[in-house]
N, C-alpha and C. Protein backbone atom coordinates (compact mmCIF):
# COMPACT_ATOMS: atom_id res chain seq x y z
N MET A 1 143.05 35.43 167.35
CA MET A 1 143.03 34.53 166.13
C MET A 1 143.42 35.07 164.85
N ASN A 2 144.08 34.75 164.29
CA ASN A 2 144.74 34.21 163.50
C ASN A 2 143.83 33.89 161.78
N ASN A 3 143.69 34.29 161.03
CA ASN A 3 143.37 33.87 159.77
C ASN A 3 143.73 33.22 158.62
N ASN A 4 145.07 33.34 158.95
CA ASN A 4 145.71 33.19 157.54
C ASN A 4 145.96 33.39 156.41
N ASN A 5 144.91 34.30 156.19
CA ASN A 5 144.34 34.67 155.00
C ASN A 5 144.99 35.68 154.35
N THR A 6 146.26 35.42 153.38
CA THR A 6 146.67 36.34 152.72
C THR A 6 146.51 37.61 152.01
N SER A 7 145.20 36.67 151.20
CA SER A 7 144.39 38.17 150.74
C SER A 7 144.00 39.33 151.40
N ASN A 8 143.71 38.87 152.64
CA ASN A 8 143.65 40.27 153.91
C ASN A 8 144.87 40.66 154.27
N LEU A 9 145.43 41.94 153.81
CA LEU A 9 146.95 41.88 154.48
C LEU A 9 146.88 43.20 154.85
N TYR A 10 145.50 44.02 154.77
CA TYR A 10 145.31 45.62 155.91
C TYR A 10 145.25 45.21 156.85
N VAL A 11 146.13 46.13 158.21
CA VAL A 11 145.32 46.51 159.26
C VAL A 11 145.52 48.18 159.72
N ASP A 12 144.80 47.46 160.67
CA ASP A 12 144.59 49.16 161.07
C ASP A 12 144.67 48.66 162.84
N MET A 13 145.87 49.47 163.78
CA MET A 13 146.22 49.27 165.06
C MET A 13 145.57 50.25 165.69
N HIS A 14 144.62 51.35 165.57
CA HIS A 14 143.93 52.55 165.78
C HIS A 14 142.65 52.98 165.71
N ILE A 15 141.90 51.89 166.33
CA ILE A 15 140.38 52.29 165.76
C ILE A 15 139.64 52.82 167.20
N HIS A 16 138.94 54.01 167.12
CA HIS A 16 138.02 54.07 168.02
C HIS A 16 136.85 53.57 167.61
N THR A 17 135.77 53.34 168.89
CA THR A 17 134.18 53.01 168.59
C THR A 17 133.94 53.84 169.36
N ASN A 18 131.93 53.90 169.27
CA ASN A 18 131.13 54.69 170.21
C ASN A 18 131.30 54.92 171.48
N TYR A 19 132.51 53.84 172.33
CA TYR A 19 132.51 53.73 173.56
C TYR A 19 133.80 55.28 173.91
N SER A 20 134.07 55.26 173.03
CA SER A 20 135.04 56.85 173.07
C SER A 20 134.50 57.75 172.24
N ASP A 21 135.50 58.19 171.00
CA ASP A 21 135.04 59.24 170.06
C ASP A 21 134.92 58.75 168.89
N GLY A 22 134.33 57.62 168.57
CA GLY A 22 133.95 56.19 167.17
C GLY A 22 132.54 56.51 166.55
N VAL A 23 132.52 56.31 165.69
CA VAL A 23 130.84 56.08 165.53
C VAL A 23 130.71 54.78 165.46
N PHE A 24 131.17 54.04 164.98
CA PHE A 24 130.80 52.38 164.97
C PHE A 24 130.39 51.62 166.17
N THR A 25 130.23 50.81 166.41
CA THR A 25 129.85 50.10 168.11
C THR A 25 131.26 49.33 167.71
N PRO A 26 131.75 48.52 168.67
CA PRO A 26 132.37 47.30 168.25
C PRO A 26 132.12 46.80 167.29
N LYS A 27 131.16 46.19 167.77
CA LYS A 27 131.08 44.73 166.51
C LYS A 27 130.95 45.36 165.08
N GLU A 28 130.27 46.46 164.90
CA GLU A 28 130.32 47.17 163.60
C GLU A 28 131.39 47.46 162.78
N ALA A 29 132.17 47.98 164.00
CA ALA A 29 134.11 48.28 163.54
C ALA A 29 134.72 47.14 162.72
N VAL A 30 134.16 46.08 163.87
CA VAL A 30 134.87 44.47 162.92
C VAL A 30 134.26 44.30 162.06
N GLU A 31 132.93 44.14 161.84
CA GLU A 31 132.53 44.04 160.15
C GLU A 31 132.96 44.75 159.27
N TYR A 32 133.19 45.75 159.65
CA TYR A 32 133.39 46.64 158.79
C TYR A 32 134.85 46.51 158.16
N ALA A 33 135.79 46.26 159.08
CA ALA A 33 137.27 45.75 158.95
C ALA A 33 137.13 44.77 157.95
N ALA A 34 136.32 43.72 158.08
CA ALA A 34 136.34 42.19 157.21
C ALA A 34 135.51 42.49 155.98
N LYS A 35 134.74 43.78 155.88
CA LYS A 35 134.12 44.43 154.53
C LYS A 35 135.69 44.93 153.87
N MET A 36 136.27 45.67 154.34
CA MET A 36 137.00 45.86 153.79
C MET A 36 138.39 45.36 153.82
N LYS A 37 138.31 44.32 153.96
CA LYS A 37 139.41 43.00 153.93
C LYS A 37 140.87 43.49 154.35
N PHE A 38 140.61 43.72 155.73
CA PHE A 38 141.39 43.82 157.02
C PHE A 38 141.35 42.41 157.36
N SER A 39 142.67 42.30 157.50
CA SER A 39 143.22 40.95 158.82
C SER A 39 142.88 41.16 160.07
N THR A 40 143.78 42.56 160.82
CA THR A 40 143.60 42.50 162.03
C THR A 40 143.50 43.94 162.39
N ILE A 41 142.63 43.79 163.38
CA ILE A 41 142.70 45.92 163.74
C ILE A 41 142.85 45.57 165.19
N SER A 42 142.90 46.77 165.96
CA SER A 42 143.19 47.61 167.35
C SER A 42 141.96 48.18 167.76
N ILE A 43 140.99 47.76 168.37
CA ILE A 43 139.99 49.03 169.57
C ILE A 43 140.87 49.23 170.39
N THR A 44 141.07 50.81 170.55
CA THR A 44 141.89 52.00 170.81
C THR A 44 141.04 52.47 171.45
N ASP A 45 139.95 52.50 172.36
CA ASP A 45 139.28 53.58 172.28
C ASP A 45 139.91 54.61 173.81
N HIS A 46 139.71 55.58 174.30
CA HIS A 46 140.15 56.66 174.91
C HIS A 46 139.49 55.81 176.05
N ASP A 47 140.47 55.81 177.09
CA ASP A 47 140.31 55.28 178.55
C ASP A 47 139.12 55.10 178.75
N CYS A 48 138.99 53.71 177.99
CA CYS A 48 138.28 52.86 178.79
C CYS A 48 138.22 51.02 177.66
N VAL A 49 137.61 50.02 178.31
CA VAL A 49 138.00 49.17 177.11
C VAL A 49 136.95 48.21 177.30
N ASP A 50 135.78 48.86 177.68
CA ASP A 50 134.38 48.57 177.73
C ASP A 50 134.03 47.64 176.58
N GLY A 51 134.70 48.30 175.25
CA GLY A 51 133.97 47.69 173.92
C GLY A 51 134.49 46.10 173.78
N THR A 52 135.85 46.01 174.59
CA THR A 52 136.69 44.62 174.01
C THR A 52 135.77 43.74 173.58
N ASP A 53 135.17 43.24 174.80
CA ASP A 53 134.51 41.64 174.76
C ASP A 53 133.55 41.31 173.22
N GLU A 54 132.83 42.67 172.93
CA GLU A 54 131.90 42.86 172.31
C GLU A 54 132.72 43.01 170.36
N ALA A 55 134.02 43.04 170.68
CA ALA A 55 134.81 43.44 169.69
C ALA A 55 135.19 41.49 169.17
N LEU A 56 135.89 41.04 170.20
CA LEU A 56 136.17 39.74 170.54
C LEU A 56 135.17 38.94 169.79
N LYS A 57 134.38 38.85 170.45
CA LYS A 57 132.88 38.09 169.99
C LYS A 57 132.75 38.28 168.27
N ALA A 58 132.73 39.36 168.17
CA ALA A 58 132.95 39.66 166.44
C ALA A 58 134.01 39.44 165.42
N GLU A 59 134.82 39.34 166.59
CA GLU A 59 136.19 38.72 165.98
C GLU A 59 136.28 36.77 165.46
N VAL A 60 135.62 36.48 166.80
CA VAL A 60 134.96 35.06 166.05
C VAL A 60 134.30 34.86 164.39
N GLU A 61 132.96 35.71 164.72
CA GLU A 61 131.80 35.82 163.81
C GLU A 61 132.91 36.00 162.07
N THR A 62 133.69 36.80 162.59
CA THR A 62 134.09 37.60 161.11
C THR A 62 135.77 36.77 160.50
N GLY A 63 136.43 36.87 161.44
CA GLY A 63 137.70 36.12 161.15
C GLY A 63 139.05 37.58 161.00
N VAL A 64 138.58 38.34 161.70
CA VAL A 64 139.18 39.51 161.45
C VAL A 64 139.85 39.14 163.09
N GLU A 65 141.17 39.65 162.90
CA GLU A 65 142.16 39.40 164.12
C GLU A 65 141.72 40.66 164.95
N VAL A 66 141.15 40.73 166.68
CA VAL A 66 140.85 42.16 166.95
C VAL A 66 142.13 41.88 168.70
N VAL A 67 142.97 43.22 168.20
CA VAL A 67 143.77 43.08 169.14
C VAL A 67 143.23 44.03 170.64
N PRO A 68 143.22 43.20 171.99
CA PRO A 68 143.13 44.43 172.42
C PRO A 68 143.75 45.44 173.03
N CYS A 69 143.08 47.00 173.33
CA CYS A 69 144.14 47.62 173.12
C CYS A 69 143.74 49.06 174.15
N ILE A 70 144.19 50.13 173.97
CA ILE A 70 143.69 50.68 175.47
C ILE A 70 144.49 52.30 174.93
N GLU A 71 143.87 53.56 174.42
CA GLU A 71 144.67 55.15 174.71
C GLU A 71 143.88 55.69 175.63
N LEU A 72 145.02 56.22 176.66
CA LEU A 72 145.17 56.22 177.64
C LEU A 72 145.49 58.19 177.32
N SER A 73 144.80 58.70 178.16
CA SER A 73 144.87 60.40 177.84
C SER A 73 145.62 60.94 179.18
N LEU A 74 146.82 61.91 178.74
CA LEU A 74 147.35 62.38 180.22
C LEU A 74 147.78 63.73 179.75
N GLU A 75 147.84 64.11 180.72
CA GLU A 75 148.32 65.70 180.43
C GLU A 75 149.75 65.75 181.61
N ILE A 76 150.58 66.43 181.06
CA ILE A 76 151.73 66.77 181.65
C ILE A 76 152.13 68.07 181.67
N MET A 77 153.07 68.74 182.40
CA MET A 77 153.94 70.23 182.36
C MET A 77 155.26 69.26 181.25
N PHE A 78 154.99 70.60 180.40
CA PHE A 78 156.16 70.59 179.79
C PHE A 78 157.02 72.19 179.85
N ASN A 79 157.97 72.64 179.62
CA ASN A 79 158.27 74.11 179.33
C ASN A 79 157.36 74.74 180.00
N SER A 80 157.23 74.57 181.53
CA SER A 80 155.90 75.60 181.77
C SER A 80 154.38 75.55 181.05
N GLN A 81 154.29 74.60 179.97
CA GLN A 81 152.92 74.02 179.64
C GLN A 81 152.35 72.72 180.14
N LYS A 82 150.81 73.08 180.01
CA LYS A 82 150.22 71.64 180.50
C LYS A 82 150.03 71.48 178.74
N ASN A 83 150.97 69.81 178.55
CA ASN A 83 150.77 68.96 177.19
C ASN A 83 149.66 68.18 177.34
N GLU A 84 149.40 67.63 176.39
CA GLU A 84 148.24 66.39 176.31
C GLU A 84 148.88 65.27 175.49
N ILE A 85 149.06 64.05 176.32
CA ILE A 85 149.82 63.03 175.42
C ILE A 85 149.18 61.79 175.54
N HIS A 86 148.98 61.06 174.19
CA HIS A 86 148.93 59.51 174.27
C HIS A 86 149.51 58.65 174.28
N ILE A 87 149.19 57.38 175.12
CA ILE A 87 149.52 56.70 175.06
C ILE A 87 149.14 55.25 174.53
N LEU A 88 149.55 54.45 174.11
CA LEU A 88 149.03 53.26 173.35
C LEU A 88 149.61 51.74 174.27
N GLY A 89 148.09 51.25 174.73
CA GLY A 89 148.71 50.14 175.71
C GLY A 89 147.89 48.82 174.62
N TYR A 90 148.82 48.04 174.29
CA TYR A 90 148.14 46.80 173.41
C TYR A 90 148.81 45.36 173.75
N TYR A 91 147.26 44.62 173.62
CA TYR A 91 147.33 43.11 174.52
C TYR A 91 147.49 43.28 176.21
N MET A 92 147.04 44.18 176.61
CA MET A 92 147.37 44.21 178.37
C MET A 92 146.21 43.41 178.95
N ASP A 93 145.91 42.99 180.41
CA ASP A 93 144.63 42.29 180.92
C ASP A 93 144.33 42.88 180.80
N TYR A 94 142.85 43.65 180.01
CA TYR A 94 142.10 44.21 180.07
C TYR A 94 140.96 43.72 181.58
N LYS A 95 141.06 42.38 181.51
CA LYS A 95 139.88 42.27 182.37
C LYS A 95 140.51 42.22 183.99
N SER A 96 142.04 43.53 184.39
CA SER A 96 142.76 42.91 185.24
C SER A 96 141.68 43.81 186.43
N GLU A 97 141.51 43.25 187.73
CA GLU A 97 140.89 44.44 188.48
C GLU A 97 141.48 45.74 188.99
N ILE A 98 142.43 45.48 189.40
CA ILE A 98 143.95 46.13 189.12
C ILE A 98 143.84 47.36 188.28
N PHE A 99 143.49 46.80 186.77
CA PHE A 99 143.41 48.20 185.78
C PHE A 99 142.27 48.52 185.89
N GLN A 100 141.23 47.85 185.95
CA GLN A 100 140.14 48.05 186.15
C GLN A 100 139.62 49.81 186.92
N GLU A 101 140.22 49.18 188.07
CA GLU A 101 139.93 50.30 189.40
C GLU A 101 141.16 51.62 188.72
N ALA A 102 142.55 51.03 188.25
CA ALA A 102 142.90 52.59 186.90
C ALA A 102 141.97 53.36 186.61
N LEU A 103 141.45 52.51 185.74
CA LEU A 103 140.62 53.32 184.55
C LEU A 103 139.36 53.61 185.21
N ALA A 104 138.65 53.58 186.36
CA ALA A 104 137.65 54.23 186.87
C ALA A 104 138.14 55.48 187.02
N VAL A 105 139.12 55.88 187.55
CA VAL A 105 139.92 57.04 188.17
C VAL A 105 139.37 58.23 186.72
N PHE A 106 140.50 57.18 185.34
CA PHE A 106 140.42 57.90 183.93
C PHE A 106 139.04 58.49 183.75
N LYS A 107 137.81 57.66 183.96
CA LYS A 107 136.64 57.76 183.76
C LYS A 107 135.95 58.91 184.54
N LYS A 108 136.85 59.05 185.47
CA LYS A 108 135.85 60.07 186.46
C LYS A 108 136.38 61.72 186.01
N VAL A 109 137.48 61.37 185.78
CA VAL A 109 138.99 62.67 185.43
C VAL A 109 138.02 63.38 183.75
N ARG A 110 137.14 62.39 183.23
CA ARG A 110 136.65 62.82 181.90
C ARG A 110 135.64 63.29 181.73
N HIS A 111 134.78 62.58 183.41
CA HIS A 111 133.38 63.22 183.20
C HIS A 111 133.82 64.37 184.12
N ASP A 112 134.53 64.84 184.93
CA ASP A 112 134.47 66.09 185.18
C ASP A 112 135.01 66.93 184.72
N ARG A 113 135.90 66.84 183.54
CA ARG A 113 136.42 67.33 182.28
C ARG A 113 135.24 67.92 181.56
N ALA A 114 134.01 67.13 180.86
CA ALA A 114 132.87 67.25 180.55
C ALA A 114 132.19 68.12 181.15
N VAL A 115 132.02 68.14 182.48
CA VAL A 115 131.11 68.73 183.05
C VAL A 115 131.62 70.75 183.33
N GLU A 116 133.30 70.43 183.26
CA GLU A 116 133.72 71.77 183.47
C GLU A 116 133.19 72.19 182.22
N ILE A 117 133.50 71.68 180.68
CA ILE A 117 133.55 71.97 179.55
C ILE A 117 132.09 72.55 179.42
N PHE A 118 131.34 71.72 179.86
CA PHE A 118 129.81 71.99 179.77
C PHE A 118 129.55 73.69 180.25
N GLU A 119 129.97 73.61 181.58
CA GLU A 119 129.96 75.31 182.23
C GLU A 119 130.16 75.72 181.87
N LYS A 120 131.74 75.75 180.93
CA LYS A 120 132.38 77.38 180.71
C LYS A 120 131.87 77.35 179.41
N LEU A 121 131.13 76.39 178.21
CA LEU A 121 130.30 76.99 177.11
C LEU A 121 129.46 77.58 177.56
N LYS A 122 128.06 77.00 178.94
CA LYS A 122 127.34 78.19 179.39
C LYS A 122 127.67 79.46 179.75
N LYS A 123 128.77 79.75 180.60
CA LYS A 123 129.30 80.83 180.61
C LYS A 123 129.59 81.83 179.27
N SER A 124 130.29 81.19 178.38
CA SER A 124 130.56 81.76 177.23
C SER A 124 129.24 82.07 176.25
N GLY A 125 128.04 82.35 176.65
CA GLY A 125 126.87 82.28 175.48
C GLY A 125 126.71 80.99 174.75
N ALA A 126 127.83 79.71 174.71
CA ALA A 126 127.12 79.05 174.06
C ALA A 126 126.61 77.40 174.54
N GLU A 127 125.51 77.69 175.62
CA GLU A 127 124.63 77.03 176.12
C GLU A 127 124.13 76.00 175.17
N LEU A 128 124.81 74.86 175.41
CA LEU A 128 123.91 73.85 174.58
C LEU A 128 122.43 73.09 174.60
N LYS A 129 121.59 73.59 174.04
CA LYS A 129 120.49 72.99 174.32
C LYS A 129 120.09 71.52 174.87
N ASP A 130 120.95 70.87 174.23
CA ASP A 130 120.65 68.88 174.41
C ASP A 130 121.79 68.70 175.26
N ASP A 131 121.70 68.42 176.20
CA ASP A 131 123.18 68.14 177.09
C ASP A 131 123.05 66.32 177.07
N SER A 132 122.16 65.66 176.19
CA SER A 132 121.76 64.36 176.46
C SER A 132 122.92 63.62 176.63
N PHE A 133 123.64 64.07 175.66
CA PHE A 133 125.24 63.24 175.35
C PHE A 133 125.61 63.01 176.68
N VAL A 134 125.81 63.93 177.22
CA VAL A 134 126.75 63.90 178.89
C VAL A 134 125.86 63.30 179.48
N LYS A 135 124.55 63.19 179.58
CA LYS A 135 123.81 62.57 180.92
C LYS A 135 123.41 60.93 180.57
N ASP A 136 123.60 60.41 179.22
CA ASP A 136 122.92 59.19 178.66
C ASP A 136 124.68 58.60 178.50
N ALA A 137 125.69 59.59 178.66
CA ALA A 137 126.92 58.57 178.16
C ALA A 137 126.87 57.26 179.13
N GLY A 138 126.45 56.85 179.70
CA GLY A 138 127.25 55.06 180.49
C GLY A 138 128.27 54.97 180.68
N ASN A 139 128.57 53.79 179.89
CA ASN A 139 129.74 53.62 179.96
C ASN A 139 130.94 54.12 178.87
N LYS A 140 130.04 55.05 178.24
CA LYS A 140 131.15 55.57 177.42
C LYS A 140 131.95 56.93 177.72
N VAL A 141 133.25 56.84 177.23
CA VAL A 141 133.79 58.06 177.74
C VAL A 141 133.59 59.37 176.53
N ILE A 142 133.02 60.24 177.38
CA ILE A 142 132.89 61.71 176.98
C ILE A 142 133.85 62.89 176.30
N GLY A 143 134.60 63.06 175.32
CA GLY A 143 135.35 63.64 174.78
C GLY A 143 135.40 65.22 174.09
N ARG A 144 136.25 65.73 173.74
CA ARG A 144 135.78 67.10 173.05
C ARG A 144 135.07 67.15 171.65
N LEU A 145 135.48 65.87 171.40
CA LEU A 145 134.33 66.24 170.10
C LEU A 145 133.16 65.28 170.01
N HIS A 146 132.69 64.89 171.12
CA HIS A 146 131.10 64.93 171.50
C HIS A 146 130.70 66.20 171.37
N PHE A 147 131.08 67.67 172.08
CA PHE A 147 130.85 69.08 172.44
C PHE A 147 131.41 69.70 171.11
N ALA A 148 131.75 68.98 170.18
CA ALA A 148 132.26 69.92 168.73
C ALA A 148 131.19 69.47 167.95
N LYS A 149 130.68 67.99 168.22
CA LYS A 149 129.55 67.53 167.14
C LYS A 149 127.99 68.01 167.43
N ALA A 150 127.89 68.19 168.88
CA ALA A 150 126.94 69.02 169.57
C ALA A 150 126.85 70.43 169.19
N LEU A 151 127.66 71.55 169.30
CA LEU A 151 128.00 72.63 168.93
C LEU A 151 127.37 72.87 167.34
N PHE A 152 128.03 71.30 166.41
CA PHE A 152 127.66 72.00 164.96
C PHE A 152 126.43 71.79 164.84
N GLU A 153 125.83 70.57 165.34
CA GLU A 153 124.37 70.28 165.38
C GLU A 153 123.46 71.33 165.90
N GLN A 154 123.50 72.12 167.19
CA GLN A 154 122.90 73.30 167.63
C GLN A 154 123.26 74.45 166.66
N LYS A 155 123.93 74.27 165.60
CA LYS A 155 124.33 75.40 164.98
C LYS A 155 125.07 76.54 165.92
N LEU A 156 125.79 76.17 166.64
CA LEU A 156 126.52 77.32 167.36
C LEU A 156 127.63 77.52 166.80
N VAL A 157 128.39 76.40 165.92
CA VAL A 157 129.52 76.94 165.45
C VAL A 157 128.97 76.15 163.99
N GLY A 158 130.10 77.14 163.06
CA GLY A 158 130.18 76.35 161.65
C GLY A 158 130.50 74.84 161.19
N SER A 159 131.62 74.27 162.05
CA SER A 159 131.63 73.16 161.78
C SER A 159 132.41 72.32 163.17
N ALA A 160 132.38 71.10 163.13
CA ALA A 160 132.86 70.42 163.98
C ALA A 160 134.12 70.49 164.43
N GLN A 161 134.85 70.90 163.39
CA GLN A 161 136.33 71.26 163.63
C GLN A 161 136.58 72.08 164.68
């Protein structure tokens, strides 16, 4: 959707929702973008596109153009060291069966990593008393930021940074 409103000249092509490590729901993100006078945004959740339909529905309600996107997180070896890279994919066929099958692999890897992080924290003495964010994740992707926030909320660290 292009609202052709020249008074809304702002764009943000990298927004995360609560489906990955953002705060807003997809609808709230689009509504906030409208309030802030954005003409176009892109929902770029980590390794999932589960909030895309909700954002596109809000596009119709607000007039803010929503560009479907994803941020894929990959680990590569470079100079004998593991490095994480992020690849943004805009305007992909997010409903494609093949694409969805690939995302299921990414989601499993992220879930396994979350379990591993949880166990490492436990062994280090920083055991989280409330691990509901891992158990209640549903379709949402669990990332390091979720652990950082939980550690901070339970006063096991001084900040989420």
